[in-house]
Amino acid sequence: MAKVTRDDVARLAGTSTAVVSYVINNGPRPVAPATRERVLAAIKELGYRPDRVAQAMASRRTDLIGLIVPDARQPFFAEMAHAVEQAAAERGKMVLVGNSDYLDEREVHYLRAFLGMRVSGLILISQGPSENAAAEIEAWDARVVLLHERPEAIDDVAVVLDDIGGAQLAVRHLLEHGHDYVACLGGTEITPTVGDPVTDHVEGWRRAMLEAGRPTEGRLFQAPYNRYDAYKVALDLLAGPDRPPAIFCATDDQAFGVLRAARELRIEVPHELAVAGFDDVKEAHLTDPPLTTVGSDRPAMARAAVDLVLDDGVRLASSRRERVKQFPSALVVRHSCGCV
């Protein structure tokens, strides 16, 4: 059976191939409603399927957006990826997702692969300060929007959160419960010192503690971002002689590990230990007790990133204010902090 072509659709609909193209691509020129209906009816009757590869070769762009995340297994990145996919679908685009696994070479691999596929744009949740990634982006002259994190080495348009302010809200709230101090579960030795959300969460904790006149020395503890390794760190911390009265975790996943360790050690949360996290992933509603945390409007952030990468916002932004769109943080109070 011969392949159905755009010419066949145009012939059946009684119009030109250009008009068929406008209907399929929803532009760039408007099509009268009656004509559009004839074209759509012809497409359905003939079973026509557009050749997306040929379209991409002609336009040098595909209907794809590349998205690179550090680890889609972590709830925050999974929820952010889903939000980006939904925002892209609203614009008629599909999303390719790659996991960098916090490795510079893996991030560069996906940058090169996705940009080589002529994606319409690329959204990067970077794993850290990557000069190699910056060089790759510059070499392709690509449309790239940074999301969630803005490494110092990559000076592209970014959609970020007020991470420092959000952490301050959480730590102030814990201190208002009357605790002598709040310990912090931060990042690891390889966590970037600039442009990383976890680093900013630690900075917010430090500022809130200093505002309250509480020393921070010896009260910051390193922990991986995931719940499993954070659980091991928390077991040692909570079983020790200097158990803190309250802990602020740089991520919700770390807080889940702390809650698990406390339960295992028969430490009652929040009466013997107050806990707060950061991210407000959906699972935070279901912990026992429900987790007090810092939230954000992820769908709005994802939509802003998709709009910027598709609407030439990347190229038109000039000043730093235009190049960095910051969303506010909000404290989400539940029970793990001591509130009823």
C-alpha atoms as a PDB file:
ATOM      1  CA  MET A   1       0.000   0.000   0.000  1.00  0.00           C
ATOM      2  CA  ALA A   2       1.396   3.374  -1.062  1.00  0.00           C
ATOM      3  CA  LYS A   3       2.283   5.834   1.669  1.00  0.00           C
ATOM      4  CA  VAL A   4      -0.226   8.656   2.092  1.00  0.00           C
ATOM      5  CA  THR A   5       1.389  12.036   1.441  1.00  0.00           C
ATOM      6  CA  ARG A   6       0.535  15.644   2.154  1.00  0.00           C
ATOM      7  CA  ASP A   7      -0.320  16.030  -1.534  1.00  0.00           C
ATOM      8  CA  ASP A   8      -3.003  13.322  -1.146  1.00  0.00           C
ATOM      9  CA  VAL A   9      -4.544  15.206   1.789  1.00  0.00           C
ATOM     10  CA  ALA A  10      -4.509  18.493  -0.122  1.00  0.00           C
ATOM     11  CA  ARG A  11      -6.128  16.859  -3.172  1.00  0.00           C
ATOM     12  CA  LEU A  12      -8.940  15.314  -1.126  1.00  0.00           C
ATOM     13  CA  ALA A  13      -9.540  18.493   0.897  1.00  0.00           C
ATOM     14  CA  GLY A  14      -9.474  20.655  -2.235  1.00  0.00           C
ATOM     15  CA  THR A  15      -6.723  22.926  -0.952  1.00  0.00           C
ATOM     16  CA  SER A  16      -2.980  23.475  -1.235  1.00  0.00           C
ATOM     17  CA  THR A  17      -0.231  21.534   0.543  1.00  0.00           C
ATOM     18  CA  ALA A  18       0.753  24.785   2.268  1.00  0.00           C
ATOM     19  CA  VAL A  19      -2.671  25.007   3.896  1.00  0.00           C
ATOM     20  CA  VAL A  20      -2.396  21.372   5.001  1.00  0.00           C
ATOM     21  CA  SER A  21       0.940  22.279   6.593  1.00  0.00           C
ATOM     22  CA  TYR A  22      -0.610  25.241   8.417  1.00  0.00           C
ATOM     23  CA  VAL A  23      -3.305  22.977   9.851  1.00  0.00           C
ATOM     24  CA  ILE A  24      -0.867  20.261  10.941  1.00  0.00           C
ATOM     25  CA  ASN A  25       1.571  22.729  12.511  1.00  0.00           C
ATOM     26  CA  ASN A  26      -1.107  25.085  13.839  1.00  0.00           C
ATOM     27  CA  GLY A  27       0.461  27.955  11.906  1.00  0.00           C
ATOM     28  CA  PRO A  28       2.293  30.086  11.024  1.00  0.00           C
ATOM     29  CA  ARG A  29      -0.709  31.405   9.047  1.00  0.00           C
ATOM     30  CA  PRO A  30      -4.361  31.158  10.132  1.00  0.00           C
ATOM     31  CA  VAL A  31      -6.737  28.810   8.332  1.00  0.00           C
ATOM     32  CA  ALA A  32     -10.494  29.390   7.978  1.00  0.00           C
ATOM     33  CA  PRO A  33     -12.517  27.071  10.257  1.00  0.00           C
ATOM     34  CA  ALA A  34     -14.360  25.402   7.347  1.00  0.00           C
ATOM     35  CA  THR A  35     -11.100  24.752   5.496  1.00  0.00           C
ATOM     36  CA  ARG A  36      -9.473  23.406   8.648  1.00  0.00           C
ATOM     37  CA  GLU A  37     -12.363  20.959   9.111  1.00  0.00           C
ATOM     38  CA  ARG A  38     -12.004  19.713   5.516  1.00  0.00           C
ATOM     39  CA  VAL A  39      -8.274  19.163   6.000  1.00  0.00           C
ATOM     40  CA  LEU A  40      -8.767  17.330   9.304  1.00  0.00           C
ATOM     41  CA  ALA A  41     -11.487  15.169   7.753  1.00  0.00           C
ATOM     42  CA  ALA A  42      -9.153  14.285   4.865  1.00  0.00           C
ATOM     43  CA  ILE A  43      -6.338  13.424   7.267  1.00  0.00           C
ATOM     44  CA  LYS A  44      -8.658  11.110   9.195  1.00  0.00           C
ATOM     45  CA  GLU A  45     -10.105   9.465   6.080  1.00  0.00           C
ATOM     46  CA  LEU A  46      -6.704   8.811   4.520  1.00  0.00           C
ATOM     47  CA  GLY A  47      -4.967   7.894   7.777  1.00  0.00           C
ATOM     48  CA  TYR A  48      -2.229  10.427   7.101  1.00  0.00           C
ATOM     49  CA  ARG A  49       0.670  10.596   9.582  1.00  0.00           C
ATOM     50  CA  PRO A  50       3.112  13.531   9.336  1.00  0.00           C
ATOM     51  CA  ASP A  51       6.764  12.635   8.821  1.00  0.00           C
ATOM     52  CA  ARG A  52       8.257  14.293  11.887  1.00  0.00           C
ATOM     53  CA  VAL A  53      11.808  13.442  10.867  1.00  0.00           C
ATOM     54  CA  ALA A  54      11.385  15.174   7.520  1.00  0.00           C
ATOM     55  CA  GLN A  55       9.792  18.162   9.234  1.00  0.00           C
ATOM     56  CA  ALA A  56      12.701  18.399  11.662  1.00  0.00           C
ATOM     57  CA  MET A  57      15.230  18.256   8.823  1.00  0.00           C
ATOM     58  CA  ALA A  58      13.400  21.027   6.981  1.00  0.00           C
ATOM     59  CA  SER A  59      12.949  23.309   9.979  1.00  0.00           C
ATOM     60  CA  ARG A  60      16.142  22.246  11.794  1.00  0.00           C
ATOM     61  CA  ARG A  61      13.955  21.865  14.920  1.00  0.00           C
ATOM     62  CA  THR A  62      11.900  19.000  16.304  1.00  0.00           C
ATOM     63  CA  ASP A  63       8.815  18.992  18.510  1.00  0.00           C
ATOM     64  CA  LEU A  64      11.041  17.818  21.358  1.00  0.00           C
ATOM     65  CA  ILE A  65      12.343  19.530  24.470  1.00  0.00           C
ATOM     66  CA  GLY A  66      15.329  17.993  26.206  1.00  0.00           C
ATOM     67  CA  LEU A  67      15.292  17.805  30.012  1.00  0.00           C
ATOM     68  CA  ILE A  68      18.344  16.774  32.028  1.00  0.00           C
ATOM     69  CA  VAL A  69      17.938  16.037  35.745  1.00  0.00           C
ATOM     70  CA  PRO A  70      20.465  14.801  38.320  1.00  0.00           C
ATOM     71  CA  ASP A  71      18.387  11.800  39.444  1.00  0.00           C
ATOM     72  CA  ALA A  72      14.749  11.173  38.451  1.00  0.00           C
ATOM     73  CA  ARG A  73      14.437   8.606  41.235  1.00  0.00           C
ATOM     74  CA  GLN A  74      14.383  11.425  43.780  1.00  0.00           C
ATOM     75  CA  PRO A  75      10.804  12.654  44.327  1.00  0.00           C
ATOM     76  CA  PHE A  76      11.584  16.343  43.775  1.00  0.00           C
ATOM     77  CA  PHE A  77      13.145  15.756  40.366  1.00  0.00           C
ATOM     78  CA  ALA A  78      10.438  13.266  39.397  1.00  0.00           C
ATOM     79  CA  GLU A  79       7.701  15.779  40.213  1.00  0.00           C
ATOM     80  CA  MET A  80       9.559  18.587  38.447  1.00  0.00           C
ATOM     81  CA  ALA A  81      10.030  16.419  35.339  1.00  0.00           C
ATOM     82  CA  HIS A  82       6.307  15.634  35.314  1.00  0.00           C
ATOM     83  CA  ALA A  83       5.487  19.340  35.608  1.00  0.00           C
ATOM     84  CA  VAL A  84       7.793  20.139  32.676  1.00  0.00           C
ATOM     85  CA  GLU A  85       6.193  17.377  30.602  1.00  0.00           C
ATOM     86  CA  GLN A  86       2.714  18.773  31.264  1.00  0.00           C
ATOM     87  CA  ALA A  87       3.793  22.326  30.441  1.00  0.00           C
ATOM     88  CA  ALA A  88       5.441  21.114  27.232  1.00  0.00           C
ATOM     89  CA  ALA A  89       2.302  19.185  26.226  1.00  0.00           C
ATOM     90  CA  GLU A  90       0.307  22.416  26.522  1.00  0.00           C
ATOM     91  CA  ARG A  91       2.651  23.829  23.867  1.00  0.00           C
ATOM     92  CA  GLY A  92       2.424  20.775  21.632  1.00  0.00           C
ATOM     93  CA  LYS A  93       5.877  19.485  22.543  1.00  0.00           C
ATOM     94  CA  MET A  94       7.225  16.211  23.908  1.00  0.00           C
ATOM     95  CA  VAL A  95      10.013  15.806  26.456  1.00  0.00           C
ATOM     96  CA  LEU A  96      13.145  13.648  26.367  1.00  0.00           C
ATOM     97  CA  VAL A  97      14.563  13.030  29.852  1.00  0.00           C
ATOM     98  CA  GLY A  98      18.145  12.143  30.728  1.00  0.00           C
ATOM     99  CA  ASN A  99      19.666  11.468  34.161  1.00  0.00           C
ATOM    100  CA  SER A 100      23.125  12.896  34.803  1.00  0.00           C
ATOM    101  CA  ASP A 101      23.493  10.891  38.058  1.00  0.00           C
ATOM    102  CA  TYR A 102      25.405  13.923  39.423  1.00  0.00           C
ATOM    103  CA  LEU A 103      28.219  13.183  36.956  1.00  0.00           C
ATOM    104  CA  ASP A 104      29.750  15.921  34.811  1.00  0.00           C
ATOM    105  CA  GLU A 105      30.514  13.605  31.905  1.00  0.00           C
ATOM    106  CA  ARG A 106      26.958  12.193  31.900  1.00  0.00           C
ATOM    107  CA  GLU A 107      25.493  15.696  31.841  1.00  0.00           C
ATOM    108  CA  VAL A 108      27.669  16.645  28.877  1.00  0.00           C
ATOM    109  CA  HIS A 109      26.722  13.379  27.149  1.00  0.00           C
ATOM    110  CA  TYR A 110      23.017  14.207  27.297  1.00  0.00           C
ATOM    111  CA  LEU A 111      23.612  17.824  26.310  1.00  0.00           C
ATOM    112  CA  ARG A 112      25.454  16.669  23.200  1.00  0.00           C
ATOM    113  CA  ALA A 113      22.910  13.947  22.409  1.00  0.00           C
ATOM    114  CA  PHE A 114      19.789  16.104  22.821  1.00  0.00           C
ATOM    115  CA  LEU A 115      21.201  19.129  21.027  1.00  0.00           C
ATOM    116  CA  GLY A 116      22.325  16.812  18.221  1.00  0.00           C
ATOM    117  CA  MET A 117      18.702  15.719  17.864  1.00  0.00           C
ATOM    118  CA  ARG A 118      17.795  19.355  17.127  1.00  0.00           C
ATOM    119  CA  VAL A 119      15.454  19.702  20.084  1.00  0.00           C
ATOM    120  CA  SER A 120      13.422  22.900  20.152  1.00  0.00           C
ATOM    121  CA  GLY A 121      15.152  23.785  23.391  1.00  0.00           C
ATOM    122  CA  LEU A 122      16.769  22.263  26.430  1.00  0.00           C
ATOM    123  CA  ILE A 123      15.940  22.600  30.126  1.00  0.00           C
ATOM    124  CA  LEU A 124      18.834  21.749  32.404  1.00  0.00           C
ATOM    125  CA  ILE A 125      18.686  20.948  36.099  1.00  0.00           C
ATOM    126  CA  SER A 126      22.435  20.876  36.402  1.00  0.00           C
ATOM    127  CA  GLN A 127      24.414  18.566  38.657  1.00  0.00           C
ATOM    128  CA  GLY A 128      26.944  21.247  39.550  1.00  0.00           C
ATOM    129  CA  PRO A 129      29.461  23.825  38.326  1.00  0.00           C
ATOM    130  CA  SER A 130      30.265  22.349  34.923  1.00  0.00           C
ATOM    131  CA  GLU A 131      32.620  24.286  32.681  1.00  0.00           C
ATOM    132  CA  ASN A 132      32.411  21.404  30.194  1.00  0.00           C
ATOM    133  CA  ALA A 133      28.621  21.765  30.037  1.00  0.00           C
ATOM    134  CA  ALA A 134      28.987  25.529  29.537  1.00  0.00           C
ATOM    135  CA  ALA A 135      31.401  24.947  26.643  1.00  0.00           C
ATOM    136  CA  GLU A 136      29.038  22.416  25.049  1.00  0.00           C
ATOM    137  CA  ILE A 137      26.103  24.836  25.231  1.00  0.00           C
ATOM    138  CA  GLU A 138      28.170  27.638  23.712  1.00  0.00           C
ATOM    139  CA  ALA A 139      29.417  25.390  20.908  1.00  0.00           C
ATOM    140  CA  TRP A 140      25.857  24.522  19.835  1.00  0.00           C
ATOM    141  CA  ASP A 141      24.555  28.092  20.338  1.00  0.00           C
ATOM    142  CA  ALA A 142      21.609  26.359  21.963  1.00  0.00           C
ATOM    143  CA  ARG A 143      18.410  27.507  23.600  1.00  0.00           C
ATOM    144  CA  VAL A 144      18.991  26.435  27.193  1.00  0.00           C
ATOM    145  CA  VAL A 145      17.096  27.351  30.344  1.00  0.00           C
ATOM    146  CA  LEU A 146      18.458  26.414  33.749  1.00  0.00           C
ATOM    147  CA  LEU A 147      15.825  25.178  36.186  1.00  0.00           C
ATOM    148  CA  HIS A 148      16.110  24.935  39.986  1.00  0.00           C
ATOM    149  CA  GLU A 149      19.874  25.466  39.964  1.00  0.00           C
ATOM    150  CA  ARG A 150      22.138  28.078  38.394  1.00  0.00           C
ATOM    151  CA  PRO A 151      25.789  26.954  38.423  1.00  0.00           C
ATOM    152  CA  GLU A 152      28.310  29.774  38.382  1.00  0.00           C
ATOM    153  CA  ALA A 153      29.953  28.426  35.216  1.00  0.00           C
ATOM    154  CA  ILE A 154      26.750  28.504  33.125  1.00  0.00           C
ATOM    155  CA  ASP A 155      25.400  32.001  32.465  1.00  0.00           C
ATOM    156  CA  ASP A 156      22.112  31.050  30.835  1.00  0.00           C
ATOM    157  CA  VAL A 157      18.555  32.118  31.590  1.00  0.00           C
ATOM    158  CA  ALA A 158      17.373  30.498  34.818  1.00  0.00           C
ATOM    159  CA  VAL A 159      14.131  29.767  36.667  1.00  0.00           C
ATOM    160  CA  VAL A 160      14.936  29.363  40.344  1.00  0.00           C
ATOM    161  CA  LEU A 161      13.414  29.444  43.818  1.00  0.00           C
ATOM    162  CA  ASP A 162      14.139  31.714  46.775  1.00  0.00           C
ATOM    163  CA  ASP A 163      16.031  28.908  48.482  1.00  0.00           C
ATOM    164  CA  ILE A 164      17.755  31.014  51.130  1.00  0.00           C
ATOM    165  CA  GLY A 165      14.534  32.767  52.146  1.00  0.00           C
ATOM    166  CA  GLY A 166      12.615  29.492  52.251  1.00  0.00           C
ATOM    167  CA  ALA A 167      15.174  27.850  54.531  1.00  0.00           C
ATOM    168  CA  GLN A 168      15.084  30.881  56.831  1.00  0.00           C
ATOM    169  CA  LEU A 169      11.307  30.517  57.142  1.00  0.00           C
ATOM    170  CA  ALA A 170      11.587  26.882  58.211  1.00  0.00           C
ATOM    171  CA  VAL A 171      14.402  27.400  60.724  1.00  0.00           C
ATOM    172  CA  ARG A 172      12.777  30.480  62.270  1.00  0.00           C
ATOM    173  CA  HIS A 173       9.597  28.456  62.690  1.00  0.00           C
ATOM    174  CA  LEU A 174      11.448  25.660  64.485  1.00  0.00           C
ATOM    175  CA  LEU A 175      13.178  28.170  66.782  1.00  0.00           C
ATOM    176  CA  GLU A 176       9.823  29.781  67.588  1.00  0.00           C
ATOM    177  CA  HIS A 177       8.831  26.466  69.176  1.00  0.00           C
ATOM    178  CA  GLY A 178      11.395  27.228  71.878  1.00  0.00           C
ATOM    179  CA  HIS A 179      14.226  24.902  70.873  1.00  0.00           C
ATOM    180  CA  ASP A 180      17.700  25.890  72.039  1.00  0.00           C
ATOM    181  CA  TYR A 181      19.028  25.423  68.537  1.00  0.00           C
ATOM    182  CA  VAL A 182      18.330  23.736  65.218  1.00  0.00           C
ATOM    183  CA  ALA A 183      20.816  21.338  63.635  1.00  0.00           C
ATOM    184  CA  CYS A 184      21.101  21.145  59.849  1.00  0.00           C
ATOM    185  CA  LEU A 185      21.476  18.190  57.509  1.00  0.00           C
ATOM    186  CA  GLY A 186      23.189  19.772  54.511  1.00  0.00           C
ATOM    187  CA  GLY A 187      24.954  18.416  51.465  1.00  0.00           C
ATOM    188  CA  THR A 188      28.217  16.528  50.988  1.00  0.00           C
ATOM    189  CA  GLU A 189      31.840  17.442  50.347  1.00  0.00           C
ATOM    190  CA  ILE A 190      31.163  17.662  46.608  1.00  0.00           C
ATOM    191  CA  THR A 191      28.138  19.960  46.926  1.00  0.00           C
ATOM    192  CA  PRO A 192      28.986  23.153  44.981  1.00  0.00           C
ATOM    193  CA  THR A 193      29.625  26.198  47.153  1.00  0.00           C
ATOM    194  CA  VAL A 194      27.856  28.601  44.754  1.00  0.00           C
ATOM    195  CA  GLY A 195      24.617  28.308  42.796  1.00  0.00           C
ATOM    196  CA  ASP A 196      23.402  25.066  44.374  1.00  0.00           C
ATOM    197  CA  PRO A 197      19.999  24.964  46.131  1.00  0.00           C
ATOM    198  CA  VAL A 198      21.262  22.775  48.981  1.00  0.00           C
ATOM    199  CA  THR A 199      24.089  25.246  49.619  1.00  0.00           C
ATOM    200  CA  ASP A 200      21.485  28.022  49.723  1.00  0.00           C
ATOM    201  CA  HIS A 201      19.335  26.003  52.140  1.00  0.00           C
ATOM    202  CA  VAL A 202      22.340  25.703  54.454  1.00  0.00           C
ATOM    203  CA  GLU A 203      22.965  29.434  54.112  1.00  0.00           C
ATOM    204  CA  GLY A 204      19.333  30.143  55.025  1.00  0.00           C
ATOM    205  CA  TRP A 205      19.707  27.925  58.111  1.00  0.00           C
ATOM    206  CA  ARG A 206      22.885  29.747  59.088  1.00  0.00           C
ATOM    207  CA  ARG A 207      21.288  33.181  58.718  1.00  0.00           C
ATOM    208  CA  ALA A 208      18.230  32.229  60.773  1.00  0.00           C
ATOM    209  CA  MET A 209      20.423  30.813  63.536  1.00  0.00           C
ATOM    210  CA  LEU A 210      22.622  33.911  63.653  1.00  0.00           C
ATOM    211  CA  GLU A 211      19.563  36.182  63.672  1.00  0.00           C
ATOM    212  CA  ALA A 212      18.391  34.339  66.789  1.00  0.00           C
ATOM    213  CA  GLY A 213      21.832  34.593  68.407  1.00  0.00           C
ATOM    214  CA  ARG A 214      22.451  30.827  68.208  1.00  0.00           C
ATOM    215  CA  PRO A 215      25.889  29.509  67.222  1.00  0.00           C
ATOM    216  CA  THR A 216      26.139  27.176  64.234  1.00  0.00           C
ATOM    217  CA  GLU A 217      29.534  25.600  64.927  1.00  0.00           C
ATOM    218  CA  GLY A 218      29.317  21.830  65.177  1.00  0.00           C
ATOM    219  CA  ARG A 219      25.631  21.827  64.226  1.00  0.00           C
ATOM    220  CA  LEU A 220      25.901  21.298  60.472  1.00  0.00           C
ATOM    221  CA  PHE A 221      26.102  17.674  59.373  1.00  0.00           C
ATOM    222  CA  GLN A 222      26.920  16.332  55.936  1.00  0.00           C
ATOM    223  CA  ALA A 223      24.482  13.910  54.334  1.00  0.00           C
ATOM    224  CA  PRO A 224      23.670  12.726  50.804  1.00  0.00           C
ATOM    225  CA  TYR A 225      20.406  14.042  49.390  1.00  0.00           C
ATOM    226  CA  ASN A 226      18.560  10.719  49.356  1.00  0.00           C
ATOM    227  CA  ARG A 227      16.591   9.196  52.237  1.00  0.00           C
ATOM    228  CA  TYR A 228      18.533   5.947  52.402  1.00  0.00           C
ATOM    229  CA  ASP A 229      21.956   7.472  53.094  1.00  0.00           C
ATOM    230  CA  ALA A 230      20.438  10.263  55.196  1.00  0.00           C
ATOM    231  CA  TYR A 231      18.827   7.567  57.358  1.00  0.00           C
ATOM    232  CA  LYS A 232      22.271   6.115  58.128  1.00  0.00           C
ATOM    233  CA  VAL A 233      23.629   9.562  59.026  1.00  0.00           C
ATOM    234  CA  ALA A 234      20.595  10.236  61.228  1.00  0.00           C
ATOM    235  CA  LEU A 235      20.996   6.932  63.102  1.00  0.00           C
ATOM    236  CA  ASP A 236      24.477   7.961  64.248  1.00  0.00           C
ATOM    237  CA  LEU A 237      23.433  11.543  64.996  1.00  0.00           C
ATOM    238  CA  LEU A 238      20.302  10.683  66.975  1.00  0.00           C
ATOM    239  CA  ALA A 239      21.897   7.805  68.893  1.00  0.00           C
ATOM    240  CA  GLY A 240      24.771   9.999  70.056  1.00  0.00           C
ATOM    241  CA  PRO A 241      25.051  11.854  73.388  1.00  0.00           C
ATOM    242  CA  ASP A 242      24.428  15.279  71.829  1.00  0.00           C
ATOM    243  CA  ARG A 243      21.126  14.635  70.096  1.00  0.00           C
ATOM    244  CA  PRO A 244      19.755  17.906  68.703  1.00  0.00           C
ATOM    245  CA  PRO A 245      16.278  19.088  69.746  1.00  0.00           C
ATOM    246  CA  ALA A 246      15.363  19.994  66.162  1.00  0.00           C
ATOM    247  CA  ILE A 247      16.715  19.263  62.690  1.00  0.00           C
ATOM    248  CA  PHE A 248      16.272  21.192  59.450  1.00  0.00           C
ATOM    249  CA  CYS A 249      16.932  19.019  56.390  1.00  0.00           C
ATOM    250  CA  ALA A 250      18.037  20.502  53.077  1.00  0.00           C
ATOM    251  CA  THR A 251      15.690  18.122  51.219  1.00  0.00           C
ATOM    252  CA  ASP A 252      12.479  16.289  52.060  1.00  0.00           C
ATOM    253  CA  ASP A 253      14.142  13.022  51.127  1.00  0.00           C
ATOM    254  CA  GLN A 254      16.725  13.581  53.873  1.00  0.00           C
ATOM    255  CA  ALA A 255      13.877  14.369  56.299  1.00  0.00           C
ATOM    256  CA  PHE A 256      12.202  11.048  55.426  1.00  0.00           C
ATOM    257  CA  GLY A 257      15.441   9.308  56.412  1.00  0.00           C
ATOM    258  CA  VAL A 258      15.556  11.238  59.699  1.00  0.00           C
ATOM    259  CA  LEU A 259      11.942  10.318  60.534  1.00  0.00           C
ATOM    260  CA  ARG A 260      12.685   6.654  59.850  1.00  0.00           C
ATOM    261  CA  ALA A 261      15.785   6.719  62.063  1.00  0.00           C
ATOM    262  CA  ALA A 262      13.878   8.448  64.881  1.00  0.00           C
ATOM    263  CA  ARG A 263      11.134   5.817  64.775  1.00  0.00           C
ATOM    264  CA  GLU A 264      13.707   3.029  64.851  1.00  0.00           C
ATOM    265  CA  LEU A 265      15.390   4.615  67.896  1.00  0.00           C
ATOM    266  CA  ARG A 266      12.009   5.178  69.597  1.00  0.00           C
ATOM    267  CA  ILE A 267      12.437   8.958  69.550  1.00  0.00           C
ATOM    268  CA  GLU A 268       9.022  10.589  69.398  1.00  0.00           C
ATOM    269  CA  VAL A 269       8.562  13.264  66.725  1.00  0.00           C
ATOM    270  CA  PRO A 270       7.784  16.095  67.363  1.00  0.00           C
ATOM    271  CA  HIS A 271       7.784  15.871  71.196  1.00  0.00           C
ATOM    272  CA  GLU A 272      11.397  14.719  71.520  1.00  0.00           C
ATOM    273  CA  LEU A 273      12.651  15.834  68.114  1.00  0.00           C
ATOM    274  CA  ALA A 274      11.254  18.438  65.712  1.00  0.00           C
ATOM    275  CA  VAL A 275      11.934  17.950  61.992  1.00  0.00           C
ATOM    276  CA  ALA A 276      11.455  20.152  58.925  1.00  0.00           C
ATOM    277  CA  GLY A 277      12.410  19.595  55.297  1.00  0.00           C
ATOM    278  CA  PHE A 278      12.550  21.443  52.002  1.00  0.00           C
ATOM    279  CA  ASP A 279      10.708  20.713  48.690  1.00  0.00           C
ATOM    280  CA  ASP A 280       7.169  19.736  49.753  1.00  0.00           C
ATOM    281  CA  VAL A 281       7.032  16.611  47.612  1.00  0.00           C
ATOM    282  CA  LYS A 282       3.700  14.780  47.665  1.00  0.00           C
ATOM    283  CA  GLU A 283       4.994  12.109  50.027  1.00  0.00           C
ATOM    284  CA  ALA A 284       5.482  14.767  52.735  1.00  0.00           C
ATOM    285  CA  HIS A 285       1.713  14.578  53.375  1.00  0.00           C
ATOM    286  CA  LEU A 286       1.967  10.883  54.204  1.00  0.00           C
ATOM    287  CA  THR A 287       4.855  10.653  56.653  1.00  0.00           C
ATOM    288  CA  ASP A 288       4.162   9.955  60.316  1.00  0.00           C
ATOM    289  CA  PRO A 289       3.853  12.648  61.487  1.00  0.00           C
ATOM    290  CA  PRO A 290       3.216  14.696  58.307  1.00  0.00           C
ATOM    291  CA  LEU A 291       6.298  16.716  57.425  1.00  0.00           C
ATOM    292  CA  THR A 292       6.588  20.484  57.857  1.00  0.00           C
ATOM    293  CA  THR A 293       8.522  21.698  54.847  1.00  0.00           C
ATOM    294  CA  VAL A 294       9.116  24.496  52.339  1.00  0.00           C
ATOM    295  CA  GLY A 295       7.080  24.419  49.146  1.00  0.00           C
ATOM    296  CA  SER A 296       7.036  26.090  45.759  1.00  0.00           C
ATOM    297  CA  ASP A 297       4.771  26.395  42.730  1.00  0.00           C
ATOM    298  CA  ARG A 298       6.476  23.737  40.596  1.00  0.00           C
ATOM    299  CA  PRO A 299       3.893  23.823  37.765  1.00  0.00           C
ATOM    300  CA  ALA A 300       4.409  27.589  37.411  1.00  0.00           C
ATOM    301  CA  MET A 301       8.198  27.188  37.438  1.00  0.00           C
ATOM    302  CA  ALA A 302       8.012  24.448  34.812  1.00  0.00           C
ATOM    303  CA  ARG A 303       5.681  26.522  32.646  1.00  0.00           C
ATOM    304  CA  ALA A 304       8.015  29.521  32.898  1.00  0.00           C
ATOM    305  CA  ALA A 305      10.994  27.382  31.846  1.00  0.00           C
ATOM    306  CA  VAL A 306       9.112  25.903  28.869  1.00  0.00           C
ATOM    307  CA  ASP A 307       7.859  29.328  27.762  1.00  0.00           C
ATOM    308  CA  LEU A 308      11.342  30.828  27.995  1.00  0.00           C
ATOM    309  CA  VAL A 309      12.971  28.049  26.019  1.00  0.00           C
ATOM    310  CA  LEU A 310      10.331  28.147  23.258  1.00  0.00           C
ATOM    311  CA  ASP A 311       9.588  31.875  22.986  1.00  0.00           C
ATOM    312  CA  ASP A 312      13.077  33.284  22.456  1.00  0.00           C
ATOM    313  CA  GLY A 313      13.197  34.490  26.054  1.00  0.00           C
ATOM    314  CA  VAL A 314      16.643  32.920  26.168  1.00  0.00           C
ATOM    315  CA  ARG A 315      17.976  35.163  23.442  1.00  0.00           C
ATOM    316  CA  LEU A 316      16.077  38.336  24.321  1.00  0.00           C
ATOM    317  CA  ALA A 317      17.040  38.490  28.007  1.00  0.00           C
ATOM    318  CA  SER A 318      19.985  40.802  28.568  1.00  0.00           C
ATOM    319  CA  SER A 319      20.220  41.987  32.163  1.00  0.00           C
ATOM    320  CA  ARG A 320      20.678  39.557  35.053  1.00  0.00           C
ATOM    321  CA  ARG A 321      17.204  40.497  36.285  1.00  0.00           C
ATOM    322  CA  GLU A 322      15.752  39.372  32.962  1.00  0.00           C
ATOM    323  CA  ARG A 323      17.927  36.270  32.907  1.00  0.00           C
ATOM    324  CA  VAL A 324      16.973  34.998  36.367  1.00  0.00           C
ATOM    325  CA  LYS A 325      13.291  34.488  37.178  1.00  0.00           C
ATOM    326  CA  GLN A 326      12.952  33.786  40.897  1.00  0.00           C
ATOM    327  CA  PHE A 327       9.839  32.271  42.435  1.00  0.00           C
ATOM    328  CA  PRO A 328       8.955  32.697  46.121  1.00  0.00           C
ATOM    329  CA  SER A 329       9.128  29.938  48.723  1.00  0.00           C
ATOM    330  CA  ALA A 330       6.319  29.184  51.171  1.00  0.00           C
ATOM    331  CA  LEU A 331       6.370  27.456  54.547  1.00  0.00           C
ATOM    332  CA  VAL A 332       4.000  24.464  54.649  1.00  0.00           C
ATOM    333  CA  VAL A 333       3.225  23.758  58.308  1.00  0.00           C
ATOM    334  CA  ARG A 334       2.201  20.237  59.283  1.00  0.00           C
ATOM    335  CA  HIS A 335       2.928  18.240  62.466  1.00  0.00           C
ATOM    336  CA  SER A 336       6.604  17.240  62.466  1.00  0.00           C
ATOM    337  CA  CYS A 337       7.613  20.686  63.779  1.00  0.00           C
ATOM    338  CA  GLY A 338       5.339  20.480  66.814  1.00  0.00           C
ATOM    339  CA  CYS A 339       2.298  22.317  65.448  1.00  0.00           C
ATOM    340  CA  VAL A 340      -1.079  20.632  65.902  1.00  0.00           C
END
